[in-house]
PDB file of N, CA and C in Angstrom:
ATOM      1  N   UNK A   1     109.685  72.658  92.135  1.00  0.00           N
ATOM      2  CA  UNK A   1     110.226  73.067  93.395  1.00  0.00           C
ATOM      3  C   UNK A   1     111.194  74.189  93.264  1.00  0.00           C
ATOM      4  N   UNK A   2     112.027  74.122  92.226  1.00  0.00           N
ATOM      5  CA  UNK A   2     112.999  75.217  92.160  1.00  0.00           C
ATOM      6  C   UNK A   2     112.245  76.585  91.751  1.00  0.00           C
ATOM      7  N   UNK A   3     111.021  76.475  91.176  1.00  0.00           N
ATOM      8  CA  UNK A   3     110.318  77.814  90.983  1.00  0.00           C
ATOM      9  C   UNK A   3     109.929  78.390  92.273  1.00  0.00           C
ATOM     10  N   UNK A   4     109.425  77.568  93.183  1.00  0.00           N
ATOM     11  CA  UNK A   4     109.024  78.084  94.514  1.00  0.00           C
ATOM     12  C   UNK A   4     110.225  78.528  95.271  1.00  0.00           C
ATOM     13  N   UNK A   5     111.342  77.866  95.233  1.00  0.00           N
ATOM     14  CA  UNK A   5     112.649  78.419  95.913  1.00  0.00           C
ATOM     15  C   UNK A   5     112.969  79.862  95.290  1.00  0.00           C
ATOM     16  N   UNK A   6     112.845  80.042  93.869  1.00  0.00           N
ATOM     17  CA  UNK A   6     113.163  81.277  93.405  1.00  0.00           C
ATOM     18  C   UNK A   6     112.319  82.390  93.886  1.00  0.00           C
ATOM     19  N   UNK A   7     110.861  82.122  93.848  1.00  0.00           N
ATOM     20  CA  UNK A   7     109.946  83.138  94.310  1.00  0.00           C
ATOM     21  C   UNK A   7     110.155  83.464  95.819  1.00  0.00           C
ATOM     22  N   UNK A   8     110.399  82.431  96.517  1.00  0.00           N
ATOM     23  CA  UNK A   8     110.708  82.632  98.067  1.00  0.00           C
ATOM     24  C   UNK A   8     111.959  83.402  98.155  1.00  0.00           C
ATOM     25  N   UNK A   9     113.080  83.101  97.426  1.00  0.00           N
ATOM     26  CA  UNK A   9     114.282  83.949  97.514  1.00  0.00           C
ATOM     27  C   UNK A   9     114.215  85.282  97.211  1.00  0.00           C
ATOM     28  N   UNK A  10     113.465  85.550  96.035  1.00  0.00           N
ATOM     29  CA  UNK A  10     113.172  86.992  95.638  1.00  0.00           C
ATOM     30  C   UNK A  10     112.376  87.687  96.661  1.00  0.00           C
ATOM     31  N   UNK A  11     111.514  87.146  97.175  1.00  0.00           N
ATOM     32  CA  UNK A  11     110.615  87.789  98.231  1.00  0.00           C
ATOM     33  C   UNK A  11     111.394  88.026  99.434  1.00  0.00           C
ATOM     34  N   UNK A  12     112.221  87.075  99.824  1.00  0.00           N
ATOM     35  CA  UNK A  12     113.089  87.174 101.104  1.00  0.00           C
ATOM     36  C   UNK A  12     114.030  88.309 100.826  1.00  0.00           C
ATOM     37  N   UNK A  13     114.685  88.405  99.667  1.00  0.00           N
ATOM     38  CA  UNK A  13     115.739  89.392  99.399  1.00  0.00           C
ATOM     39  C   UNK A  13     115.068  90.801  99.342  1.00  0.00           C
ATOM     40  N   UNK A  14     113.817  90.903  98.845  1.00  0.00           N
ATOM     41  CA  UNK A  14     113.184  92.120  98.820  1.00  0.00           C
ATOM     42  C   UNK A  14     112.763  92.636 100.307  1.00  0.00           C
ATOM     43  N   UNK A  15     112.302  91.634 101.091  1.00  0.00           N
ATOM     44  CA  UNK A  15     112.102  92.010 102.386  1.00  0.00           C
ATOM     45  C   UNK A  15     113.323  92.357 103.196  1.00  0.00           C
ATOM     46  N   UNK A  16     114.390  91.653 102.980  1.00  0.00           N
ATOM     47  CA  UNK A  16     115.663  91.889 103.566  1.00  0.00           C
ATOM     48  C   UNK A  16     116.213  93.308 103.131  1.00  0.00           C
ATOM     49  N   UNK A  17     115.985  93.669 101.946  1.00  0.00           N
ATOM     50  CA  UNK A  17     116.466  95.002 101.505  1.00  0.00           C
ATOM     51  C   UNK A  17     115.625  96.081 102.091  1.00  0.00           C
ATOM     52  N   UNK A  18     114.283  95.852 102.217  1.00  0.00           N
ATOM     53  CA  UNK A  18     113.376  96.941 102.924  1.00  0.00           C
ATOM     54  C   UNK A  18     113.909  97.007 104.382  1.00  0.00           C
ATOM     55  N   UNK A  19     114.222  95.958 105.074  1.00  0.00           N
ATOM     56  CA  UNK A  19     114.517  96.041 106.400  1.00  0.00           C
ATOM     57  C   UNK A  19     115.947  96.722 106.642  1.00  0.00           C
ATOM     58  N   UNK A  20     116.856  96.524 105.646  1.00  0.00           N
ATOM     59  CA  UNK A  20     118.110  97.180 105.731  1.00  0.00           C
ATOM     60  C   UNK A  20     118.013  98.674 105.595  1.00  0.00           C
ATOM     61  N   UNK A  21     117.167  99.019 104.607  1.00  0.00           N
ATOM     62  CA  UNK A  21     116.805 100.471 104.348  1.00  0.00           C
ATOM     63  C   UNK A  21     116.245 101.192 105.498  1.00  0.00           C
ATOM     64  N   UNK A  22     115.354 100.421 106.167  1.00  0.00           N
ATOM     65  CA  UNK A  22     114.698 100.984 107.422  1.00  0.00           C
ATOM     66  C   UNK A  22     115.701 101.240 108.433  1.00  0.00           C
ATOM     67  N   UNK A  23     116.605 100.095 108.712  1.00  0.00           N
ATOM     68  CA  UNK A  23     117.596 100.210 109.663  1.00  0.00           C
ATOM     69  C   UNK A  23     118.651 101.280 109.362  1.00  0.00           C
ATOM     70  N   UNK A  24     118.922 101.542 108.172  1.00  0.00           N
ATOM     71  CA  UNK A  24     119.871 102.608 107.805  1.00  0.00           C
ATOM     72  C   UNK A  24     119.157 104.051 108.088  1.00  0.00           C
ATOM     73  N   UNK A  25     118.039 104.092 107.844  1.00  0.00           N
ATOM     74  CA  UNK A  25     117.334 105.430 107.947  1.00  0.00           C
ATOM     75  C   UNK A  25     117.194 105.743 109.484  1.00  0.00           C
ATOM     76  N   UNK A  26     116.834 104.753 110.333  1.00  0.00           N
ATOM     77  CA  UNK A  26     116.903 104.811 111.713  1.00  0.00           C
ATOM     78  C   UNK A  26     118.218 105.225 112.254  1.00  0.00           C
ATOM     79  N   UNK A  27     119.263 104.606 111.724  1.00  0.00           N
ATOM     80  CA  UNK A  27     120.672 104.944 112.163  1.00  0.00           C
ATOM     81  C   UNK A  27     121.087 106.335 111.841  1.00  0.00           C
ATOM     82  N   UNK A  28     120.597 106.787 110.769  1.00  0.00           N
ATOM     83  CA  UNK A  28     120.958 108.119 110.189  1.00  0.00           C
ATOM     84  C   UNK A  28     120.383 109.142 111.090  1.00  0.00           C
ATOM     85  N   UNK A  29     119.057 108.859 111.392  1.00  0.00           N
ATOM     86  CA  UNK A  29     118.402 109.824 112.257  1.00  0.00           C
ATOM     87  C   UNK A  29     118.879 109.728 113.657  1.00  0.00           C
ATOM     88  N   UNK A  30     119.287 108.632 114.167  1.00  0.00           N
ATOM     89  CA  UNK A  30     119.918 108.537 115.546  1.00  0.00           C
ATOM     90  C   UNK A  30     121.106 109.255 115.648  1.00  0.00           C
ATOM     91  N   UNK A  31     122.071 109.172 114.552  1.00  0.00           N
ATOM     92  CA  UNK A  31     123.322 109.844 114.568  1.00  0.00           C
ATOM     93  C   UNK A  31     123.206 111.292 114.302  1.00  0.00           C
ATOM     94  N   UNK A  32     122.313 111.807 113.393  1.00  0.00           N
ATOM     95  CA  UNK A  32     122.284 113.271 113.052  1.00  0.00           C
ATOM     96  C   UNK A  32     121.203 113.893 113.813  1.00  0.00           C
ATOM     97  N   UNK A  33     120.335 113.226 114.631  1.00  0.00           N
ATOM     98  CA  UNK A  33     119.450 113.969 115.442  1.00  0.00           C
ATOM     99  C   UNK A  33     119.896 115.021 116.404  1.00  0.00           C
ATOM    100  N   UNK A  34     120.963 114.619 117.208  1.00  0.00           N
ATOM    101  CA  UNK A  34     121.520 115.577 118.087  1.00  0.00           C
ATOM    102  C   UNK A  34     122.251 116.857 117.378  1.00  0.00           C
ATOM    103  N   UNK A  35     122.534 116.730 116.142  1.00  0.00           N
ATOM    104  CA  UNK A  35     123.124 117.758 115.330  1.00  0.00           C
ATOM    105  C   UNK A  35     122.086 118.743 114.846  1.00  0.00           C
ATOM    106  N   UNK A  36     120.936 118.110 114.546  1.00  0.00           N
ATOM    107  CA  UNK A  36     119.904 118.940 113.891  1.00  0.00           C
ATOM    108  C   UNK A  36     118.970 119.584 114.968  1.00  0.00           C
ATOM    109  N   UNK A  37     118.983 118.937 116.271  1.00  0.00           N
ATOM    110  CA  UNK A  37     117.982 119.441 117.179  1.00  0.00           C
ATOM    111  C   UNK A  37     118.432 120.722 117.748  1.00  0.00           C
ATOM    112  N   UNK A  38     117.464 121.729 118.062  1.00  0.00           N
ATOM    113  CA  UNK A  38     117.625 122.968 118.517  1.00  0.00           C
ATOM    114  C   UNK A  38     117.222 122.998 120.032  1.00  0.00           C
ATOM    115  N   UNK A  39     116.563 122.116 120.476  1.00  0.00           N
ATOM    116  CA  UNK A  39     116.127 122.013 121.919  1.00  0.00           C
ATOM    117  C   UNK A  39     117.333 121.204 122.801  1.00  0.00           C
ATOM    118  N   UNK A  40     117.554 121.552 123.921  1.00  0.00           N
ATOM    119  CA  UNK A  40     118.590 120.946 124.682  1.00  0.00           C
ATOM    120  C   UNK A  40     119.997 121.436 124.612  1.00  0.00           C
ATOM    121  N   UNK A  41     120.069 122.523 123.774  1.00  0.00           N
ATOM    122  CA  UNK A  41     121.392 123.008 123.588  1.00  0.00           C
ATOM    123  C   UNK A  41     121.679 123.967 124.652  1.00  0.00           C
ATOM    124  N   UNK A  42     122.940 123.884 125.239  1.00  0.00           N
ATOM    125  CA  UNK A  42     123.248 124.811 126.468  1.00  0.00           C
ATOM    126  C   UNK A  42     124.294 125.684 126.106  1.00  0.00           C
TER     127      UNK A  42
END
């Protein structure tokens, strides 16, 4: 049973890490997008 818990925990941590990386990437694009865009400048 502990082996299954370890495998599940490792898989869950890897999935959580991927989700956090994607969220950080989206946040970075959301914050930096207005600075990098050339359209819409007045």
